[in-house]
Each structure stands twice: as C-alpha cells, then as structure tokens.
Amino acid sequence: MQAKPEYRDRDDDEVAVLDALADRAEDGMTVFELRSHVDLEIDDLETALAELKADGLISADEDDERTVVVPDERVVGTQQQDEDSSLSWLRDRLPF
C-alpha cells in the first residue's frame, strides 16, 4: 500500500517513510523497522521523520515499552479510495 497521491509530492525520503508506514498503518513501526524497510541513512531518516511529525502526518506512540511510529489516518487510504482517486484524476484530464 502507498500513501495517498496528495501526500506523494513531498521529498523522496519522506514519501519512502510514508509508504513503508502505510503497509503497517495499524501496528506502526519502530525506527529500526523503518530503517530496514527504507534505504536511508539514519540521519536522512531522522530528518524525514522530523518533517513528517512537524506537518502532523505521523505520530510516535508508546506500545509495550517501545516507541512506534504510525501514520495519520488521512495519509493512508484503502485500495478502493486509491482506485477512485486515480479514476478521478484520469477523468479530470481527459476531454470527455
């Protein structure tokens, strides 16, 4: 699963983090899990997480004595929503 199209115009590192989190939106991921799913240096990952948190697109929650990063629910859509938005995008651009 990927982040919704309206959140894909961000920095490539931030989009990679959002996409990784979208796959595990319910459970979230620790920073170590994120690091294993995205190909980023730790400093770049930290910068991406800071930007996303500042914009309110992710949050860090305590879960069983560990901190997990979870995406905001507005960032992750269902597959049906993604298909609907893709069709809408196509309809908006075609002269029908």
PDB file of N, CA and C in Angstrom:
ATOM      1  N   MET A   1       0.855  -1.172   0.000  1.00  0.00           N
ATOM      2  CA  MET A   1       0.000   0.000   0.000  1.00  0.00           C
ATOM      3  C   MET A   1       0.900   1.233   0.000  1.00  0.00           C
ATOM      4  N   GLN A   2       0.390   2.301  -0.550  1.00  0.00           N
ATOM      5  CA  GLN A   2       1.158   3.538  -0.596  1.00  0.00           C
ATOM      6  C   GLN A   2       0.367   4.660   0.063  1.00  0.00           C
ATOM      7  N   ALA A   3       1.090   5.726   0.330  1.00  0.00           N
ATOM      8  CA  ALA A   3       0.438   6.923   0.834  1.00  0.00           C
ATOM      9  C   ALA A   3      -0.464   7.481  -0.266  1.00  0.00           C
ATOM     10  N   LYS A   4      -1.490   8.205   0.128  1.00  0.00           N
ATOM     11  CA  LYS A   4      -2.408   8.795  -0.842  1.00  0.00           C
ATOM     12  C   LYS A   4      -1.656   9.725  -1.793  1.00  0.00           C
ATOM     13  N   PRO A   5      -2.158   9.874  -3.009  1.00  0.00           N
ATOM     14  CA  PRO A   5      -1.469  10.701  -4.014  1.00  0.00           C
ATOM     15  C   PRO A   5      -1.205  12.137  -3.559  1.00  0.00           C
ATOM     16  N   GLU A   6      -2.090  12.704  -2.786  1.00  0.00           N
ATOM     17  CA  GLU A   6      -1.895  14.094  -2.366  1.00  0.00           C
ATOM     18  C   GLU A   6      -0.720  14.270  -1.405  1.00  0.00           C
ATOM     19  N   TYR A   7      -0.162  13.165  -0.882  1.00  0.00           N
ATOM     20  CA  TYR A   7       0.994  13.234   0.009  1.00  0.00           C
ATOM     21  C   TYR A   7       2.271  12.754  -0.672  1.00  0.00           C
ATOM     22  N   ARG A   8       2.218  12.527  -1.970  1.00  0.00           N
ATOM     23  CA  ARG A   8       3.368  11.993  -2.688  1.00  0.00           C
ATOM     24  C   ARG A   8       4.232  13.087  -3.328  1.00  0.00           C
ATOM     25  N   ASP A   9       3.854  14.358  -3.159  1.00  0.00           N
ATOM     26  CA  ASP A   9       4.637  15.444  -3.736  1.00  0.00           C
ATOM     27  C   ASP A   9       5.689  15.974  -2.764  1.00  0.00           C
ATOM     28  N   ARG A  10       6.003  15.196  -1.762  1.00  0.00           N
ATOM     29  CA  ARG A  10       6.976  15.568  -0.748  1.00  0.00           C
ATOM     30  C   ARG A  10       8.367  15.072  -1.151  1.00  0.00           C
ATOM     31  N   ASP A  11       9.342  15.324  -0.330  1.00  0.00           N
ATOM     32  CA  ASP A  11      10.700  14.845  -0.520  1.00  0.00           C
ATOM     33  C   ASP A  11      10.679  13.314  -0.665  1.00  0.00           C
ATOM     34  N   ASP A  12      11.548  12.765  -1.505  1.00  0.00           N
ATOM     35  CA  ASP A  12      11.580  11.318  -1.761  1.00  0.00           C
ATOM     36  C   ASP A  12      11.759  10.503  -0.483  1.00  0.00           C
ATOM     37  N   ASP A  13      12.576  11.001   0.440  1.00  0.00           N
ATOM     38  CA  ASP A  13      12.789  10.291   1.700  1.00  0.00           C
ATOM     39  C   ASP A  13      11.499  10.232   2.513  1.00  0.00           C
ATOM     40  N   GLU A  14      10.770  11.335   2.549  1.00  0.00           N
ATOM     41  CA  GLU A  14       9.517  11.379   3.296  1.00  0.00           C
ATOM     42  C   GLU A  14       8.474  10.448   2.670  1.00  0.00           C
ATOM     43  N   VAL A  15       8.415  10.410   1.359  1.00  0.00           N
ATOM     44  CA  VAL A  15       7.469   9.522   0.669  1.00  0.00           C
ATOM     45  C   VAL A  15       7.820   8.066   0.953  1.00  0.00           C
ATOM     46  N   ALA A  16       9.106   7.734   0.969  1.00  0.00           N
ATOM     47  CA  ALA A  16       9.532   6.369   1.274  1.00  0.00           C
ATOM     48  C   ALA A  16       9.092   5.958   2.675  1.00  0.00           C
ATOM     49  N   VAL A  17       9.222   6.872   3.626  1.00  0.00           N
ATOM     50  CA  VAL A  17       8.795   6.592   5.001  1.00  0.00           C
ATOM     51  C   VAL A  17       7.277   6.420   5.057  1.00  0.00           C
ATOM     52  N   LEU A  18       6.540   7.316   4.414  1.00  0.00           N
ATOM     53  CA  LEU A  18       5.078   7.200   4.410  1.00  0.00           C
ATOM     54  C   LEU A  18       4.623   5.893   3.765  1.00  0.00           C
ATOM     55  N   ASP A  19       5.255   5.496   2.673  1.00  0.00           N
ATOM     56  CA  ASP A  19       4.885   4.247   2.012  1.00  0.00           C
ATOM     57  C   ASP A  19       5.153   3.041   2.914  1.00  0.00           C
ATOM     58  N   ALA A  20       6.291   3.048   3.582  1.00  0.00           N
ATOM     59  CA  ALA A  20       6.605   1.939   4.494  1.00  0.00           C
ATOM     60  C   ALA A  20       5.592   1.883   5.635  1.00  0.00           C
ATOM     61  N   LEU A  21       5.237   3.046   6.170  1.00  0.00           N
ATOM     62  CA  LEU A  21       4.263   3.082   7.263  1.00  0.00           C
ATOM     63  C   LEU A  21       2.865   2.704   6.791  1.00  0.00           C
ATOM     64  N   ALA A  22       2.553   3.003   5.547  1.00  0.00           N
ATOM     65  CA  ALA A  22       1.232   2.672   5.014  1.00  0.00           C
ATOM     66  C   ALA A  22       0.992   1.166   5.017  1.00  0.00           C
ATOM     67  N   ASP A  23       2.069   0.396   4.816  1.00  0.00           N
ATOM     68  CA  ASP A  23       1.940  -1.055   4.834  1.00  0.00           C
ATOM     69  C   ASP A  23       1.608  -1.596   6.212  1.00  0.00           C
ATOM     70  N   ARG A  24       1.980  -0.858   7.248  1.00  0.00           N
ATOM     71  CA  ARG A  24       1.735  -1.318   8.616  1.00  0.00           C
ATOM     72  C   ARG A  24       1.038  -0.225   9.419  1.00  0.00           C
ATOM     73  N   ALA A  25       0.020   0.353   8.831  1.00  0.00           N
ATOM     74  CA  ALA A  25      -0.656   1.506   9.439  1.00  0.00           C
ATOM     75  C   ALA A  25      -1.273   1.184  10.793  1.00  0.00           C
ATOM     76  N   GLU A  26      -1.789  -0.008  10.960  1.00  0.00           N
ATOM     77  CA  GLU A  26      -2.441  -0.374  12.218  1.00  0.00           C
ATOM     78  C   GLU A  26      -1.440  -0.538  13.357  1.00  0.00           C
ATOM     79  N   ASP A  27      -0.337  -1.216  13.075  1.00  0.00           N
ATOM     80  CA  ASP A  27       0.632  -1.543  14.116  1.00  0.00           C
ATOM     81  C   ASP A  27       1.730  -0.518  14.265  1.00  0.00           C
ATOM     82  N   GLY A  28       2.024   0.200  13.204  1.00  0.00           N
ATOM     83  CA  GLY A  28       3.138   1.133  13.219  1.00  0.00           C
ATOM     84  C   GLY A  28       4.459   0.401  13.110  1.00  0.00           C
ATOM     85  N   MET A  29       5.542   1.145  13.142  1.00  0.00           N
ATOM     86  CA  MET A  29       6.880   0.568  13.028  1.00  0.00           C
ATOM     87  C   MET A  29       7.822   1.306  13.964  1.00  0.00           C
ATOM     88  N   THR A  30       8.789   0.578  14.494  1.00  0.00           N
ATOM     89  CA  THR A  30       9.835   1.232  15.268  1.00  0.00           C
ATOM     90  C   THR A  30      10.805   1.883  14.277  1.00  0.00           C
ATOM     91  N   VAL A  31      11.670   2.716  14.784  1.00  0.00           N
ATOM     92  CA  VAL A  31      12.653   3.360  13.918  1.00  0.00           C
ATOM     93  C   VAL A  31      13.552   2.301  13.284  1.00  0.00           C
ATOM     94  N   PHE A  32      13.879   1.256  14.033  1.00  0.00           N
ATOM     95  CA  PHE A  32      14.718   0.185  13.484  1.00  0.00           C
ATOM     96  C   PHE A  32      13.995  -0.565  12.370  1.00  0.00           C
ATOM     97  N   GLU A  33      12.704  -0.814  12.534  1.00  0.00           N
ATOM     98  CA  GLU A  33      11.933  -1.464  11.477  1.00  0.00           C
ATOM     99  C   GLU A  33      11.850  -0.572  10.243  1.00  0.00           C
ATOM    100  N   LEU A  34      11.618   0.711  10.467  1.00  0.00           N
ATOM    101  CA  LEU A  34      11.588   1.655   9.345  1.00  0.00           C
ATOM    102  C   LEU A  34      12.922   1.650   8.598  1.00  0.00           C
ATOM    103  N   ARG A  35      13.988   1.650   9.353  1.00  0.00           N
ATOM    104  CA  ARG A  35      15.328   1.675   8.750  1.00  0.00           C
ATOM    105  C   ARG A  35      15.542   0.466   7.859  1.00  0.00           C
ATOM    106  N   SER A  36      14.966  -0.681   8.241  1.00  0.00           N
ATOM    107  CA  SER A  36      15.147  -1.890   7.434  1.00  0.00           C
ATOM    108  C   SER A  36      14.244  -1.903   6.201  1.00  0.00           C
ATOM    109  N   HIS A  37      13.202  -1.061   6.192  1.00  0.00           N
ATOM    110  CA  HIS A  37      12.269  -1.030   5.060  1.00  0.00           C
ATOM    111  C   HIS A  37      12.546   0.091   4.059  1.00  0.00           C
ATOM    112  N   VAL A  38      13.258   1.107   4.482  1.00  0.00           N
ATOM    113  CA  VAL A  38      13.600   2.203   3.579  1.00  0.00           C
ATOM    114  C   VAL A  38      15.118   2.273   3.458  1.00  0.00           C
ATOM    115  N   ASP A  39      15.586   2.618   2.299  1.00  0.00           N
ATOM    116  CA  ASP A  39      17.019   2.661   2.044  1.00  0.00           C
ATOM    117  C   ASP A  39      17.544   4.065   2.318  1.00  0.00           C
ATOM    118  N   LEU A  40      17.626   4.401   3.614  1.00  0.00           N
ATOM    119  CA  LEU A  40      18.071   5.738   4.014  1.00  0.00           C
ATOM    120  C   LEU A  40      19.120   5.635   5.104  1.00  0.00           C
ATOM    121  N   GLU A  41      20.047   6.564   5.090  1.00  0.00           N
ATOM    122  CA  GLU A  41      20.979   6.698   6.201  1.00  0.00           C
ATOM    123  C   GLU A  41      20.178   7.167   7.412  1.00  0.00           C
ATOM    124  N   ILE A  42      20.672   6.877   8.594  1.00  0.00           N
ATOM    125  CA  ILE A  42      19.942   7.202   9.820  1.00  0.00           C
ATOM    126  C   ILE A  42      19.677   8.701   9.943  1.00  0.00           C
ATOM    127  N   ASP A  43      20.621   9.550   9.525  1.00  0.00           N
ATOM    128  CA  ASP A  43      20.424  10.999   9.594  1.00  0.00           C
ATOM    129  C   ASP A  43      19.306  11.449   8.649  1.00  0.00           C
ATOM    130  N   ASP A  44      19.257  10.845   7.458  1.00  0.00           N
ATOM    131  CA  ASP A  44      18.200  11.179   6.499  1.00  0.00           C
ATOM    132  C   ASP A  44      16.841  10.705   7.001  1.00  0.00           C
ATOM    133  N   LEU A  45      16.817   9.533   7.622  1.00  0.00           N
ATOM    134  CA  LEU A  45      15.577   9.014   8.192  1.00  0.00           C
ATOM    135  C   LEU A  45      15.089   9.920   9.318  1.00  0.00           C
ATOM    136  N   GLU A  46      16.014  10.354  10.160  1.00  0.00           N
ATOM    137  CA  GLU A  46      15.661  11.252  11.257  1.00  0.00           C
ATOM    138  C   GLU A  46      15.087  12.571  10.733  1.00  0.00           C
ATOM    139  N   THR A  47      15.693  13.110   9.691  1.00  0.00           N
ATOM    140  CA  THR A  47      15.202  14.353   9.093  1.00  0.00           C
ATOM    141  C   THR A  47      13.807  14.166   8.506  1.00  0.00           C
ATOM    142  N   ALA A  48      13.597  13.059   7.798  1.00  0.00           N
ATOM    143  CA  ALA A  48      12.288  12.779   7.205  1.00  0.00           C
ATOM    144  C   ALA A  48      11.228  12.626   8.294  1.00  0.00           C
ATOM    145  N   LEU A  49      11.556  11.903   9.356  1.00  0.00           N
ATOM    146  CA  LEU A  49      10.601  11.725  10.453  1.00  0.00           C
ATOM    147  C   LEU A  49      10.271  13.053  11.128  1.00  0.00           C
ATOM    148  N   ALA A  50      11.272  13.891  11.305  1.00  0.00           N
ATOM    149  CA  ALA A  50      11.049  15.203  11.933  1.00  0.00           C
ATOM    150  C   ALA A  50      10.117  16.059  11.083  1.00  0.00           C
ATOM    151  N   GLU A  51      10.325  16.078   9.772  1.00  0.00           N
ATOM    152  CA  GLU A  51       9.466  16.864   8.873  1.00  0.00           C
ATOM    153  C   GLU A  51       8.030  16.347   8.874  1.00  0.00           C
ATOM    154  N   LEU A  52       7.891  15.028   8.793  1.00  0.00           N
ATOM    155  CA  LEU A  52       6.551  14.433   8.772  1.00  0.00           C
ATOM    156  C   LEU A  52       5.822  14.681  10.086  1.00  0.00           C
ATOM    157  N   LYS A  53       6.531  14.598  11.201  1.00  0.00           N
ATOM    158  CA  LYS A  53       5.914  14.854  12.509  1.00  0.00           C
ATOM    159  C   LYS A  53       5.519  16.321  12.642  1.00  0.00           C
ATOM    160  N   ALA A  54       6.390  17.214  12.182  1.00  0.00           N
ATOM    161  CA  ALA A  54       6.086  18.650  12.247  1.00  0.00           C
ATOM    162  C   ALA A  54       4.842  18.991  11.435  1.00  0.00           C
ATOM    163  N   ASP A  55       4.618  18.263  10.336  1.00  0.00           N
ATOM    164  CA  ASP A  55       3.448  18.505   9.490  1.00  0.00           C
ATOM    165  C   ASP A  55       2.216  17.710   9.933  1.00  0.00           C
ATOM    166  N   GLY A  56       2.349  16.959  11.018  1.00  0.00           N
ATOM    167  CA  GLY A  56       1.214  16.215  11.555  1.00  0.00           C
ATOM    168  C   GLY A  56       0.819  14.987  10.751  1.00  0.00           C
ATOM    169  N   LEU A  57       1.761  14.451   9.963  1.00  0.00           N
ATOM    170  CA  LEU A  57       1.457  13.290   9.128  1.00  0.00           C
ATOM    171  C   LEU A  57       1.808  11.965   9.793  1.00  0.00           C
ATOM    172  N   ILE A  58       2.582  12.018  10.864  1.00  0.00           N
ATOM    173  CA  ILE A  58       2.897  10.824  11.641  1.00  0.00           C
ATOM    174  C   ILE A  58       2.849  11.173  13.118  1.00  0.00           C
ATOM    175  N   SER A  59       2.790  10.140  13.948  1.00  0.00           N
ATOM    176  CA  SER A  59       2.911  10.350  15.384  1.00  0.00           C
ATOM    177  C   SER A  59       3.716   9.200  15.959  1.00  0.00           C
ATOM    178  N   ALA A  60       4.308   9.430  17.106  1.00  0.00           N
ATOM    179  CA  ALA A  60       5.079   8.404  17.799  1.00  0.00           C
ATOM    180  C   ALA A  60       4.297   8.020  19.039  1.00  0.00           C
ATOM    181  N   ASP A  61       3.969   6.739  19.144  1.00  0.00           N
ATOM    182  CA  ASP A  61       3.162   6.237  20.252  1.00  0.00           C
ATOM    183  C   ASP A  61       3.928   5.188  21.036  1.00  0.00           C
ATOM    184  N   GLU A  62       3.689   5.158  22.348  1.00  0.00           N
ATOM    185  CA  GLU A  62       4.273   4.118  23.199  1.00  0.00           C
ATOM    186  C   GLU A  62       3.419   2.866  23.078  1.00  0.00           C
ATOM    187  N   ASP A  63       4.085   1.731  22.822  1.00  0.00           N
ATOM    188  CA  ASP A  63       3.387   0.462  22.678  1.00  0.00           C
ATOM    189  C   ASP A  63       4.220  -0.628  23.334  1.00  0.00           C
ATOM    190  N   ASP A  64       3.791  -1.114  24.484  1.00  0.00           N
ATOM    191  CA  ASP A  64       4.519  -2.174  25.189  1.00  0.00           C
ATOM    192  C   ASP A  64       5.986  -1.826  25.399  1.00  0.00           C
ATOM    193  N   GLU A  65       6.228  -0.683  25.981  1.00  0.00           N
ATOM    194  CA  GLU A  65       7.565  -0.216  26.316  1.00  0.00           C
ATOM    195  C   GLU A  65       8.477   0.026  25.111  1.00  0.00           C
ATOM    196  N   ARG A  66       7.885   0.223  23.947  1.00  0.00           N
ATOM    197  CA  ARG A  66       8.661   0.601  22.764  1.00  0.00           C
ATOM    198  C   ARG A  66       7.910   1.708  22.053  1.00  0.00           C
ATOM    199  N   THR A  67       8.619   2.496  21.324  1.00  0.00           N
ATOM    200  CA  THR A  67       8.011   3.599  20.594  1.00  0.00           C
ATOM    201  C   THR A  67       7.813   3.182  19.149  1.00  0.00           C
ATOM    202  N   VAL A  68       6.577   3.331  18.688  1.00  0.00           N
ATOM    203  CA  VAL A  68       6.273   3.012  17.296  1.00  0.00           C
ATOM    204  C   VAL A  68       5.791   4.269  16.584  1.00  0.00           C
ATOM    205  N   VAL A  69       6.144   4.369  15.336  1.00  0.00           N
ATOM    206  CA  VAL A  69       5.734   5.489  14.503  1.00  0.00           C
ATOM    207  C   VAL A  69       4.544   5.016  13.680  1.00  0.00           C
ATOM    208  N   VAL A  70       3.467   5.794  13.707  1.00  0.00           N
ATOM    209  CA  VAL A  70       2.264   5.446  12.946  1.00  0.00           C
ATOM    210  C   VAL A  70       1.872   6.623  12.059  1.00  0.00           C
ATOM    211  N   PRO A  71       1.347   6.327  10.880  1.00  0.00           N
ATOM    212  CA  PRO A  71       0.908   7.417  10.004  1.00  0.00           C
ATOM    213  C   PRO A  71      -0.445   7.943  10.450  1.00  0.00           C
ATOM    214  N   ASP A  72      -0.698   9.192  10.178  1.00  0.00           N
ATOM    215  CA  ASP A  72      -2.023   9.758  10.418  1.00  0.00           C
ATOM    216  C   ASP A  72      -3.008   9.056   9.491  1.00  0.00           C
ATOM    217  N   GLU A  73      -4.222   8.842   9.948  1.00  0.00           N
ATOM    218  CA  GLU A  73      -5.198   8.074   9.156  1.00  0.00           C
ATOM    219  C   GLU A  73      -5.541   8.737   7.826  1.00  0.00           C
ATOM    220  N   ARG A  74      -5.364  10.049   7.720  1.00  0.00           N
ATOM    221  CA  ARG A  74      -5.692  10.716   6.456  1.00  0.00           C
ATOM    222  C   ARG A  74      -4.645  10.456   5.366  1.00  0.00           C
ATOM    223  N   VAL A  75      -3.459   9.987   5.769  1.00  0.00           N
ATOM    224  CA  VAL A  75      -2.370   9.754   4.828  1.00  0.00           C
ATOM    225  C   VAL A  75      -2.547   8.434   4.083  1.00  0.00           C
ATOM    226  N   VAL A  76      -3.130   7.451   4.754  1.00  0.00           N
ATOM    227  CA  VAL A  76      -3.255   6.106   4.195  1.00  0.00           C
ATOM    228  C   VAL A  76      -4.694   5.875   3.784  1.00  0.00           C
ATOM    229  N   GLY A  77      -4.870   5.515   2.530  1.00  0.00           N
ATOM    230  CA  GLY A  77      -6.206   5.228   2.034  1.00  0.00           C
ATOM    231  C   GLY A  77      -6.369   3.753   1.755  1.00  0.00           C
ATOM    232  N   THR A  78      -7.588   3.351   1.573  1.00  0.00           N
ATOM    233  CA  THR A  78      -7.832   1.969   1.180  1.00  0.00           C
ATOM    234  C   THR A  78      -7.532   1.830  -0.303  1.00  0.00           C
ATOM    235  N   GLN A  79      -7.450   0.614  -0.760  1.00  0.00           N
ATOM    236  CA  GLN A  79      -7.185   0.393  -2.178  1.00  0.00           C
ATOM    237  C   GLN A  79      -8.314   0.979  -3.021  1.00  0.00           C
ATOM    238  N   GLN A  80      -9.552   0.864  -2.553  1.00  0.00           N
ATOM    239  CA  GLN A  80     -10.698   1.402  -3.283  1.00  0.00           C
ATOM    240  C   GLN A  80     -10.579   2.922  -3.410  1.00  0.00           C
ATOM    241  N   GLN A  81     -10.179   3.589  -2.335  1.00  0.00           N
ATOM    242  CA  GLN A  81     -10.004   5.038  -2.393  1.00  0.00           C
ATOM    243  C   GLN A  81      -8.921   5.406  -3.395  1.00  0.00           C
ATOM    244  N   ASP A  82      -7.838   4.637  -3.413  1.00  0.00           N
ATOM    245  CA  ASP A  82      -6.759   4.906  -4.357  1.00  0.00           C
ATOM    246  C   ASP A  82      -7.242   4.745  -5.789  1.00  0.00           C
ATOM    247  N   GLU A  83      -8.034   3.693  -6.051  1.00  0.00           N
ATOM    248  CA  GLU A  83      -8.558   3.486  -7.395  1.00  0.00           C
ATOM    249  C   GLU A  83      -9.514   4.604  -7.776  1.00  0.00           C
ATOM    250  N   ASP A  84     -10.362   5.016  -6.838  1.00  0.00           N
ATOM    251  CA  ASP A  84     -11.292   6.108  -7.104  1.00  0.00           C
ATOM    252  C   ASP A  84     -10.552   7.395  -7.433  1.00  0.00           C
ATOM    253  N   SER A  85      -9.513   7.691  -6.666  1.00  0.00           N
ATOM    254  CA  SER A  85      -8.781   8.928  -6.920  1.00  0.00           C
ATOM    255  C   SER A  85      -8.023   8.849  -8.246  1.00  0.00           C
ATOM    256  N   SER A  86      -7.544   7.676  -8.611  1.00  0.00           N
ATOM    257  CA  SER A  86      -6.860   7.518  -9.901  1.00  0.00           C
ATOM    258  C   SER A  86      -7.839   7.731 -11.046  1.00  0.00           C
ATOM    259  N   LEU A  87      -9.027   7.172 -10.902  1.00  0.00           N
ATOM    260  CA  LEU A  87     -10.043   7.369 -11.936  1.00  0.00           C
ATOM    261  C   LEU A  87     -10.475   8.828 -12.011  1.00  0.00           C
ATOM    262  N   SER A  88     -10.604   9.461 -10.881  1.00  0.00           N
ATOM    263  CA  SER A  88     -10.960  10.882 -10.860  1.00  0.00           C
ATOM    264  C   SER A  88      -9.884  11.717 -11.534  1.00  0.00           C
ATOM    265  N   TRP A  89      -8.631  11.381 -11.253  1.00  0.00           N
ATOM    266  CA  TRP A  89      -7.518  12.100 -11.863  1.00  0.00           C
ATOM    267  C   TRP A  89      -7.574  11.955 -13.383  1.00  0.00           C
ATOM    268  N   LEU A  90      -7.841  10.738 -13.843  1.00  0.00           N
ATOM    269  CA  LEU A  90      -7.913  10.490 -15.277  1.00  0.00           C
ATOM    270  C   LEU A  90      -9.096  11.223 -15.907  1.00  0.00           C
ATOM    271  N   ARG A  91     -10.251  11.158 -15.249  1.00  0.00           N
ATOM    272  CA  ARG A  91     -11.453  11.847 -15.779  1.00  0.00           C
ATOM    273  C   ARG A  91     -11.242  13.358 -15.872  1.00  0.00           C
ATOM    274  N   ASP A  92     -10.546  13.919 -14.895  1.00  0.00           N
ATOM    275  CA  ASP A  92     -10.286  15.363 -14.884  1.00  0.00           C
ATOM    276  C   ASP A  92      -9.388  15.799 -16.034  1.00  0.00           C
ATOM    277  N   ARG A  93      -8.577  14.911 -16.525  1.00  0.00           N
ATOM    278  CA  ARG A  93      -7.604  15.267 -17.546  1.00  0.00           C
ATOM    279  C   ARG A  93      -8.026  14.907 -18.971  1.00  0.00           C
ATOM    280  N   LEU A  94      -8.993  14.017 -19.099  1.00  0.00           N
ATOM    281  CA  LEU A  94      -9.457  13.644 -20.434  1.00  0.00           C
ATOM    282  C   LEU A  94     -10.642  14.524 -20.866  1.00  0.00           C
ATOM    283  N   PRO A  95     -10.718  14.851 -22.142  1.00  0.00           N
ATOM    284  CA  PRO A  95     -11.772  15.763 -22.602  1.00  0.00           C
ATOM    285  C   PRO A  95     -13.102  15.056 -22.910  1.00  0.00           C
ATOM    286  N   PHE A  96     -13.641  14.360 -21.936  1.00  0.00           N
ATOM    287  CA  PHE A  96     -14.930  13.698 -22.136  1.00  0.00           C
ATOM    288  C   PHE A  96     -16.044  14.549 -21.601  1.00  0.00           C
TER     289      PHE A  96
END
